[in-house]
Amino acid sequence: MQNQHGGDVDLSVFPATPVSCSVEFGRVWQPKPQPSFDVFDRIPEEGFVRRLWIGQ
């Protein structure tokens, strides 16, 4: 992704994946210079709300 979009791109993550995908995503994420990303939660009355930001 960094090669295509550059190092200053933000990645938005919506938790709509199987547990195994989420575990693998967390396992391979390294504390190296990577794009920051947001994790959203869906609240019925409000829609998607940003719950977590992981960045540099």
N, C-alpha and C. Protein backbone atom coordinates (compact mmCIF):
# COMPACT_ATOMS: atom_id res chain seq x y z
N MET A 1 0.82 -1.18 0.00
CA MET A 1 0.00 0.00 0.00
C MET A 1 0.87 1.25 0.00
N GLN A 2 1.92 1.25 0.75
CA GLN A 2 2.78 2.41 0.85
C GLN A 2 3.40 2.75 -0.51
N ASN A 3 3.75 1.74 -1.29
CA ASN A 3 4.34 1.99 -2.60
C ASN A 3 3.34 2.63 -3.55
N GLN A 4 2.07 2.31 -3.42
CA GLN A 4 1.05 2.85 -4.32
C GLN A 4 0.52 4.20 -3.88
N HIS A 5 0.39 4.42 -2.57
CA HIS A 5 -0.29 5.61 -2.07
C HIS A 5 0.61 6.56 -1.28
N GLY A 6 1.84 6.18 -1.02
CA GLY A 6 2.73 7.03 -0.25
C GLY A 6 2.67 6.73 1.23
N GLY A 7 3.59 7.32 1.97
CA GLY A 7 3.70 7.03 3.40
C GLY A 7 2.77 7.84 4.28
N ASP A 8 2.10 8.85 3.74
CA ASP A 8 1.27 9.70 4.59
C ASP A 8 -0.23 9.43 4.42
N VAL A 9 -0.58 8.28 3.86
CA VAL A 9 -1.97 7.91 3.68
C VAL A 9 -2.53 7.34 4.98
N ASP A 10 -3.82 7.61 5.26
CA ASP A 10 -4.50 7.03 6.41
C ASP A 10 -5.33 5.85 5.95
N LEU A 11 -5.37 4.81 6.74
CA LEU A 11 -6.15 3.61 6.44
C LEU A 11 -7.31 3.54 7.42
N SER A 12 -8.52 3.44 6.91
CA SER A 12 -9.71 3.30 7.77
C SER A 12 -10.11 1.83 7.81
N VAL A 13 -10.31 1.30 9.01
CA VAL A 13 -10.65 -0.10 9.20
C VAL A 13 -12.05 -0.19 9.80
N PHE A 14 -12.92 -0.93 9.12
CA PHE A 14 -14.26 -1.18 9.62
C PHE A 14 -14.31 -2.65 10.05
N PRO A 15 -14.63 -2.93 11.32
CA PRO A 15 -14.56 -4.30 11.84
C PRO A 15 -15.69 -5.19 11.31
N ALA A 16 -15.59 -5.57 10.06
CA ALA A 16 -16.59 -6.44 9.45
C ALA A 16 -15.87 -7.63 8.83
N THR A 17 -14.99 -8.24 9.61
CA THR A 17 -14.19 -9.35 9.11
C THR A 17 -14.36 -10.55 10.04
N PRO A 18 -14.10 -11.74 9.53
CA PRO A 18 -14.08 -12.90 10.42
C PRO A 18 -12.97 -12.75 11.46
N VAL A 19 -13.14 -13.36 12.60
CA VAL A 19 -12.16 -13.25 13.68
C VAL A 19 -10.77 -13.65 13.22
N SER A 20 -10.67 -14.71 12.42
CA SER A 20 -9.35 -15.16 11.97
C SER A 20 -8.63 -14.08 11.16
N CYS A 21 -9.37 -13.32 10.34
CA CYS A 21 -8.75 -12.22 9.58
C CYS A 21 -8.29 -11.11 10.51
N SER A 22 -9.10 -10.80 11.50
CA SER A 22 -8.72 -9.75 12.46
C SER A 22 -7.48 -10.14 13.24
N VAL A 23 -7.40 -11.40 13.65
CA VAL A 23 -6.23 -11.86 14.40
C VAL A 23 -4.99 -11.78 13.52
N GLU A 24 -5.09 -12.23 12.28
CA GLU A 24 -3.94 -12.18 11.37
C GLU A 24 -3.52 -10.74 11.09
N PHE A 25 -4.48 -9.86 10.90
CA PHE A 25 -4.19 -8.45 10.67
C PHE A 25 -3.39 -7.88 11.85
N GLY A 26 -3.82 -8.16 13.06
CA GLY A 26 -3.10 -7.69 14.24
C GLY A 26 -1.74 -8.34 14.40
N ARG A 27 -1.64 -9.61 14.04
CA ARG A 27 -0.38 -10.34 14.20
C ARG A 27 0.71 -9.80 13.28
N VAL A 28 0.36 -9.47 12.06
CA VAL A 28 1.37 -9.05 11.10
C VAL A 28 1.68 -7.56 11.16
N TRP A 29 0.86 -6.78 11.85
CA TRP A 29 1.11 -5.34 11.94
C TRP A 29 2.37 -5.12 12.78
N GLN A 30 3.32 -4.44 12.24
CA GLN A 30 4.59 -4.23 12.90
C GLN A 30 4.74 -2.77 13.32
N PRO A 31 5.54 -2.49 14.33
CA PRO A 31 5.75 -1.10 14.75
C PRO A 31 6.75 -0.37 13.85
N LYS A 32 6.84 -0.76 12.59
CA LYS A 32 7.70 -0.07 11.63
C LYS A 32 6.94 1.13 11.09
N PRO A 33 7.60 2.00 10.37
CA PRO A 33 6.88 3.12 9.75
C PRO A 33 5.84 2.61 8.76
N GLN A 34 4.60 2.72 9.10
CA GLN A 34 3.48 2.32 8.27
C GLN A 34 2.43 3.42 8.32
N PRO A 35 1.47 3.40 7.41
CA PRO A 35 0.39 4.39 7.51
C PRO A 35 -0.40 4.20 8.80
N SER A 36 -0.91 5.29 9.33
CA SER A 36 -1.78 5.18 10.49
C SER A 36 -3.12 4.59 10.04
N PHE A 37 -3.91 4.09 10.99
CA PHE A 37 -5.23 3.60 10.62
C PHE A 37 -6.24 3.84 11.72
N ASP A 38 -7.49 3.95 11.31
CA ASP A 38 -8.62 4.17 12.20
C ASP A 38 -9.43 2.88 12.28
N VAL A 39 -9.98 2.61 13.47
CA VAL A 39 -10.89 1.49 13.66
C VAL A 39 -12.26 2.08 14.02
N PHE A 40 -13.27 1.68 13.27
CA PHE A 40 -14.61 2.22 13.44
C PHE A 40 -15.53 1.19 14.08
N ASP A 41 -16.53 1.67 14.82
CA ASP A 41 -17.56 0.84 15.42
C ASP A 41 -18.90 1.35 14.90
N ARG A 42 -19.80 0.45 14.59
CA ARG A 42 -21.12 0.86 14.10
C ARG A 42 -22.10 0.97 15.27
N ILE A 43 -22.63 2.15 15.45
CA ILE A 43 -23.63 2.43 16.48
C ILE A 43 -24.95 2.64 15.74
N PRO A 44 -25.99 1.85 16.05
CA PRO A 44 -27.24 1.95 15.29
C PRO A 44 -27.80 3.37 15.16
N GLU A 45 -27.75 4.15 16.22
CA GLU A 45 -28.33 5.50 16.19
C GLU A 45 -27.40 6.52 15.52
N GLU A 46 -26.12 6.22 15.45
CA GLU A 46 -25.14 7.21 15.00
C GLU A 46 -24.41 6.83 13.71
N GLY A 47 -24.47 5.57 13.31
CA GLY A 47 -23.68 5.12 12.16
C GLY A 47 -22.30 4.69 12.62
N PHE A 48 -21.31 4.84 11.75
CA PHE A 48 -19.95 4.44 12.10
C PHE A 48 -19.26 5.55 12.90
N VAL A 49 -18.68 5.18 14.03
CA VAL A 49 -18.00 6.11 14.93
C VAL A 49 -16.56 5.65 15.09
N ARG A 50 -15.62 6.57 14.94
CA ARG A 50 -14.21 6.21 15.11
C ARG A 50 -13.96 5.92 16.59
N ARG A 51 -13.45 4.72 16.87
CA ARG A 51 -13.20 4.30 18.24
C ARG A 51 -11.71 4.26 18.58
N LEU A 52 -10.87 4.05 17.57
CA LEU A 52 -9.45 3.86 17.85
C LEU A 52 -8.65 4.42 16.69
N TRP A 53 -7.59 5.14 16.98
CA TRP A 53 -6.66 5.62 15.97
C TRP A 53 -5.28 5.09 16.34
N ILE A 54 -4.65 4.41 15.42
CA ILE A 54 -3.30 3.90 15.64
C ILE A 54 -2.41 4.60 14.62
N GLY A 55 -1.49 5.38 15.11
CA GLY A 55 -0.65 6.16 14.21
C GLY A 55 0.77 6.30 14.71
N GLN A 56 1.50 7.03 13.94
CA GLN A 56 2.91 7.23 14.24
C GLN A 56 3.10 8.40 15.16
